[in-house]
Protein backbone atom coordinates (compact mmCIF):
# COMPACT_ATOMS: atom_id res chain seq x y z
CA MET A 1 4.04 -9.76 26.54
CA LEU A 2 7.36 -11.04 25.22
CA LYS A 3 5.48 -13.29 22.80
CA GLN A 4 4.10 -10.16 21.08
CA ILE A 5 7.61 -8.83 20.45
CA LYS A 6 8.78 -10.00 17.04
CA ILE A 7 12.48 -10.46 16.33
CA ARG A 8 11.82 -9.54 12.70
CA ASN A 9 10.41 -6.19 13.77
CA ILE A 10 13.37 -5.48 16.04
CA ILE A 11 15.83 -6.27 13.24
CA ALA A 12 13.90 -4.03 10.84
CA ILE A 13 13.81 -1.19 13.37
CA MET A 14 17.56 -1.49 13.88
CA LEU A 15 18.07 -1.45 10.10
CA GLY A 16 15.94 1.68 9.79
CA ALA A 17 17.88 3.32 12.62
CA ALA A 18 21.16 2.51 10.83
CA ILE A 19 19.92 4.06 7.56
CA PHE A 20 18.72 7.16 9.41
CA SER A 21 21.99 7.53 11.32
CA PHE A 22 24.12 7.10 8.20
CA GLY A 23 22.29 9.89 6.40
CA PHE A 24 22.28 12.09 9.49
CA VAL A 25 26.06 11.87 9.93
CA HIS A 26 27.18 11.89 6.30
CA PHE A 27 24.80 14.51 4.93
CA ASN A 28 23.44 16.63 7.78
CA MET A 29 26.47 16.79 10.05
CA GLN A 30 29.13 16.84 7.35
CA ASN A 31 27.43 19.67 5.47
CA GLN A 32 26.02 21.70 8.40
CA LEU A 33 22.48 20.97 7.31
CA GLY A 34 19.72 21.22 9.88
CA GLU A 35 17.03 18.69 10.72
CA GLY A 36 13.68 18.71 12.43
CA GLY A 37 12.47 17.27 15.73
CA LEU A 38 14.81 16.30 18.53
CA SER A 39 17.41 15.31 15.96
CA GLY A 40 17.47 18.94 14.87
CA ILE A 41 17.93 20.02 18.48
CA THR A 42 20.90 17.67 18.82
CA LEU A 43 22.41 19.39 15.76
CA ILE A 44 21.87 22.79 17.33
CA LEU A 45 23.68 21.61 20.47
CA TYR A 46 26.42 20.01 18.37
CA PHE A 47 27.19 23.00 16.17
CA THR A 48 26.85 25.61 18.93
CA LEU A 49 28.23 23.79 21.98
CA GLY A 50 30.00 20.75 20.54
CA TRP A 51 27.85 18.24 22.44
CA ASP A 52 27.74 14.69 21.10
CA PRO A 53 24.47 14.02 19.17
CA ALA A 54 24.53 10.34 20.17
CA LEU A 55 24.50 11.18 23.88
CA MET A 56 22.08 14.09 23.58
CA ASN A 57 19.68 11.87 21.62
CA LEU A 58 19.35 9.66 24.70
CA LEU A 59 19.10 12.47 27.25
CA LEU A 60 16.50 14.46 25.32
CA ASN A 61 14.35 11.39 24.81
CA ILE A 62 13.86 10.57 28.50
CA PRO A 63 10.61 12.63 28.72
CA MET A 64 9.45 11.05 25.45
CA PHE A 65 10.05 7.59 26.91
CA ILE A 66 7.63 8.43 29.73
CA ILE A 67 4.97 9.68 27.29
CA GLY A 68 5.49 6.69 25.02
CA TYR A 69 5.16 4.19 27.85
CA ARG A 70 1.94 5.68 29.22
CA LEU A 71 0.19 6.24 25.90
CA LEU A 72 1.56 3.74 23.38
CA GLY A 73 1.62 0.62 25.52
CA LYS A 74 4.40 -1.72 26.54
CA LYS A 75 5.04 -3.28 23.14
CA SER A 76 5.40 0.05 21.34
CA PHE A 77 7.50 1.29 24.24
CA ILE A 78 9.95 -1.60 23.81
CA TYR A 79 10.15 -0.95 20.08
CA THR A 80 10.76 2.75 20.84
CA LEU A 81 13.59 1.86 23.22
CA VAL A 82 15.13 -0.32 20.52
CA GLY A 83 14.79 2.44 17.93
CA THR A 84 16.18 5.21 20.12
CA LEU A 85 19.08 3.18 21.50
CA SER A 86 19.90 1.94 18.00
CA VAL A 87 20.03 5.49 16.65
CA SER A 88 22.44 6.56 19.39
CA VAL A 89 24.65 3.50 18.86
CA PHE A 90 24.77 3.91 15.08
CA LEU A 91 25.36 7.67 15.38
CA LYS A 92 28.39 6.89 17.53
CA ILE A 93 29.61 4.24 15.08
CA PHE A 94 29.19 6.38 11.96
CA GLN A 95 30.83 9.38 13.63
CA LYS A 96 33.84 7.27 14.48
CA TYR A 97 34.11 5.43 11.15
CA GLN A 98 32.64 7.98 8.78
CA PHE A 99 33.98 8.77 5.33
CA THR A 100 33.73 12.09 3.56
CA ILE A 101 31.25 12.50 0.71
CA HIS A 102 32.36 15.56 -1.22
CA LEU A 103 29.11 17.27 -2.17
CA GLU A 104 29.79 20.73 -0.77
CA ASP A 105 29.29 22.35 -4.17
CA ASP A 106 25.91 20.73 -4.72
CA MET A 107 23.81 21.41 -1.65
CA LEU A 108 20.63 20.45 -3.48
CA LEU A 109 21.97 16.93 -3.88
CA VAL A 110 22.95 16.95 -0.21
CA ALA A 111 19.43 17.99 0.78
CA LEU A 112 17.83 15.33 -1.43
CA PHE A 113 20.05 12.54 -0.10
CA ALA A 114 19.59 13.72 3.48
CA GLY A 115 15.81 13.62 3.04
CA VAL A 116 15.85 10.21 1.38
CA PHE A 117 18.07 8.54 3.99
CA VAL A 118 16.29 10.10 6.97
CA GLY A 119 12.84 9.44 5.48
CA LEU A 120 13.66 5.87 4.45
CA GLY A 121 15.16 5.05 7.82
CA LEU A 122 12.29 6.52 9.84
CA GLY A 123 9.72 5.03 7.46
CA ILE A 124 11.09 1.54 8.06
CA VAL A 125 11.12 2.10 11.81
CA PHE A 126 7.49 3.31 11.74
CA ARG A 127 6.46 0.54 9.36
CA PHE A 128 7.49 -2.11 11.88
CA GLY A 129 5.87 -0.50 14.89
CA GLY A 130 8.72 1.48 16.35
CA THR A 131 9.84 5.07 16.71
CA THR A 132 13.19 6.71 17.31
CA GLY A 133 11.81 8.78 20.17
CA GLY A 134 11.25 12.51 20.18
CA VAL A 135 8.73 13.96 17.77
CA ASP A 136 8.37 10.50 16.24
CA ILE A 137 6.37 9.51 19.32
CA LEU A 138 4.09 12.53 19.02
CA ALA A 139 3.59 11.86 15.31
CA ARG A 140 2.79 8.22 16.01
CA LEU A 141 0.25 9.23 18.65
CA GLY A 142 -1.40 11.58 16.17
CA HIS A 143 -1.52 8.78 13.60
CA LYS A 144 -2.91 6.27 16.10
CA TYR A 145 -5.63 8.42 17.67
CA PHE A 146 -6.48 10.97 14.96
CA GLY A 147 -5.40 9.30 11.72
CA TRP A 148 -2.99 12.14 10.90
CA SER A 149 -0.27 11.48 8.35
CA MET A 150 2.93 10.84 10.29
CA GLY A 151 5.06 12.60 7.70
CA LYS A 152 2.93 15.74 7.63
CA THR A 153 2.62 15.87 11.41
CA MET A 154 6.38 15.67 11.78
CA PHE A 155 6.81 18.38 9.16
CA ILE A 156 4.93 20.86 11.37
CA PHE A 157 7.08 20.10 14.39
CA ASP A 158 10.19 20.12 12.24
CA ALA A 159 9.46 23.62 10.99
CA ILE A 160 9.63 24.96 14.56
CA VAL A 161 13.02 23.35 15.16
CA ILE A 162 14.33 24.58 11.81
CA ILE A 163 13.47 28.15 12.77
CA LEU A 164 15.45 27.68 15.98
CA SER A 165 18.32 26.26 13.90
CA TRP A 166 18.20 29.33 11.66
CA LEU A 167 18.46 31.56 14.71
CA THR A 168 21.52 29.68 15.96
CA PHE A 169 23.81 28.10 13.36
CA LEU A 170 22.09 27.99 9.95
CA ASP A 171 22.39 30.74 7.37
CA ALA A 172 19.44 31.51 5.10
CA ARG A 173 20.77 29.34 2.26
CA SER A 174 21.33 26.31 4.46
CA MET A 175 17.93 26.79 6.06
CA MET A 176 16.21 26.61 2.66
CA TYR A 177 18.09 23.43 1.78
CA THR A 178 17.11 22.03 5.17
CA LEU A 179 13.46 22.68 4.32
CA VAL A 180 13.95 20.73 1.09
CA ALA A 181 15.49 17.83 3.00
CA VAL A 182 12.71 17.78 5.60
CA PHE A 183 10.00 17.93 2.93
CA VAL A 184 11.57 15.07 0.97
CA GLY A 185 11.97 13.09 4.20
CA ALA A 186 8.30 13.57 5.07
CA ARG A 187 7.20 12.33 1.64
CA VAL A 188 9.50 9.30 1.83
CA ILE A 189 8.15 8.46 5.29
CA ASP A 190 4.59 8.50 3.96
CA PHE A 191 5.60 6.41 0.94
CA VAL A 192 7.30 3.74 3.06
CA GLN A 193 4.56 3.85 5.70
CA GLU A 194 1.63 3.64 3.29
CA GLY A 195 3.23 2.43 0.07
CA ALA A 196 3.49 -1.18 1.25
CA TYR A 197 -0.28 -1.27 1.54
CA ALA A 198 -0.95 0.87 -1.52
CA ALA A 199 -3.79 -0.65 -3.48
CA ARG A 200 -6.52 0.19 -5.92
CA GLY A 201 -10.24 -0.16 -5.51
CA ALA A 202 -12.32 -1.12 -8.53
CA LEU A 203 -15.99 -0.31 -9.06
CA ILE A 204 -17.43 -2.28 -11.96
CA ILE A 205 -20.90 -1.97 -13.49
CA SER A 206 -21.85 -4.50 -16.14
CA GLU A 207 -24.73 -6.53 -17.45
CA LYS A 208 -22.49 -9.54 -16.92
CA SER A 209 -21.49 -8.75 -13.35
CA SER A 210 -21.86 -12.33 -12.11
CA THR A 211 -19.49 -13.67 -14.75
CA ILE A 212 -16.96 -10.90 -14.14
CA ALA A 213 -17.06 -11.55 -10.39
CA GLU A 214 -16.48 -15.27 -10.94
CA MET A 215 -13.53 -14.62 -13.25
CA ILE A 216 -11.92 -12.17 -10.81
CA ALA A 217 -12.31 -14.65 -7.96
CA LEU A 218 -10.97 -17.50 -10.09
CA ARG A 219 -8.04 -15.81 -11.80
CA MET A 220 -7.00 -13.24 -9.21
CA GLU A 221 -8.18 -14.86 -5.97
CA ARG A 222 -9.44 -11.54 -4.65
CA GLY A 223 -12.47 -10.99 -2.44
CA ILE A 224 -15.47 -9.39 -4.11
CA THR A 225 -18.45 -7.50 -2.76
CA ILE A 226 -21.64 -7.02 -4.76
CA LEU A 227 -23.39 -3.73 -4.07
CA GLU A 228 -26.98 -2.96 -5.01
CA GLY A 229 -27.50 0.19 -7.05
CA HIS A 230 -29.76 1.71 -9.67
CA GLY A 231 -29.26 4.03 -12.59
CA HIS A 232 -30.44 7.58 -11.94
CA PHE A 233 -31.61 8.10 -15.52
CA THR A 234 -32.80 4.60 -16.43
CA LYS A 235 -34.08 3.75 -12.92
CA GLN A 236 -32.89 0.19 -13.58
CA GLN A 237 -31.44 -1.93 -10.80
CA LYS A 238 -27.72 -2.53 -11.17
CA GLU A 239 -25.20 -4.77 -9.49
CA VAL A 240 -21.96 -2.96 -8.66
CA ILE A 241 -18.85 -5.05 -8.13
CA TYR A 242 -16.33 -3.73 -5.63
CA CYS A 243 -12.94 -5.30 -5.08
CA VAL A 244 -9.54 -4.19 -3.82
CA ILE A 245 -6.43 -5.23 -5.71
CA GLY A 246 -2.73 -4.50 -5.65
CA ARG A 247 -1.71 -1.60 -7.85
CA ASN A 248 0.36 -3.97 -9.99
CA GLU A 249 -2.81 -5.97 -10.74
CA VAL A 250 -4.79 -3.17 -12.42
CA VAL A 251 -3.86 -4.14 -15.99
CA ARG A 252 -4.72 -7.76 -15.32
CA LEU A 253 -8.10 -6.81 -13.85
CA LYS A 254 -8.95 -4.63 -16.84
CA SER A 255 -8.02 -7.45 -19.18
CA ILE A 256 -10.35 -9.86 -17.38
CA ILE A 257 -13.21 -7.37 -17.47
CA HIS A 258 -12.65 -6.61 -21.16
CA ASP A 259 -12.67 -10.30 -22.06
CA VAL A 260 -16.09 -10.72 -20.44
CA ASP A 261 -17.72 -7.38 -21.24
CA PRO A 262 -15.84 -4.79 -23.34
CA HIS A 263 -18.60 -2.26 -22.60
CA ALA A 264 -18.44 -2.53 -18.81
CA PHE A 265 -18.09 0.68 -16.80
CA VAL A 266 -14.94 0.54 -14.70
CA SER A 267 -13.74 3.06 -12.15
CA ILE A 268 -10.33 2.59 -10.53
CA ILE A 269 -9.77 4.54 -7.32
CA GLU A 270 -6.69 4.94 -5.15
CA VAL A 271 -6.80 3.19 -1.78
CA ARG A 272 -4.38 4.83 0.62
CA ASP A 273 -4.56 2.09 3.24
CA VAL A 274 -6.01 -1.39 3.37
CA ALA A 275 -6.17 -4.07 6.05
CA GLY A 276 -7.40 -7.61 5.81
CA GLU A 277 -6.76 -10.91 4.08
CA GLY A 278 -4.44 -10.68 1.13
CA PHE A 279 -2.91 -7.41 2.29
CA THR A 280 -2.13 -7.44 6.02
CA LEU A 281 -3.43 -10.94 6.83
CA ASP A 282 -2.67 -14.28 5.22
CA ASP A 283 -5.30 -16.89 4.37
CA GLN A 284 -5.12 -18.11 7.98
CA LYS A 285 -6.06 -14.63 9.26
CA GLN A 286 -2.54 -14.19 10.67
CA PRO A 287 -0.65 -10.88 10.34
CA LEU A 288 1.80 -10.75 7.45
CA HIS A 289 4.01 -8.23 9.29
């Protein structure tokens, strides 16, 4: 079991927790901005009762630890413990050694920075297999078993907590800025979570398909699949080349195709997630992350 735990992942999760905690303290807490999930509940307890968010983060996550252990497995549970404990530790550190960022007159900027820091931090934690407890666990379960976007799932749960925040310590103006922050955070989470694997799929139809396939394999070292098709109007049999490339390789691919057949039909489609050699596995079939 311990062999499956990667030090690199633990370090990355701790880094993500630090980024999250910094934004939480310096933008949410300093400017009385709400947040979603259990973090939002800790803010409610902080602004209404004065309870320490670092301590409450641990106490509120005890039920989530139980759910995470039973449903996510031991490895994910360990990563969740690391993430949750790291958040509490960094919250304590940043509360003690915080500095004031004077943005009170520009709450839109506060909301944007709060969303970016929280989203970036959580995105890194998710990206390396961890969570920070709370709704993060529920979102990860939805992603694992139903394929739901983690950012969008969290946004739904966050909305409920934001309403509770509005009924306790937020005024209408602050609530709207909180919604902006949560929305930005959800988008950043999805970008970090999926952006590392972002790729493009290419469908290529040409009379010189064999040559194009050889050139792509030679120059780009990408796997290629040849699909059998036929034209609806001409009824002629066609070979369709399909390959997945990095989004930064699109121009290079088009150049190769144009050199071989300037009249080739090329369709570039967005691939939201990709797994396999060249993306998540190296040439020895070992995970890259």
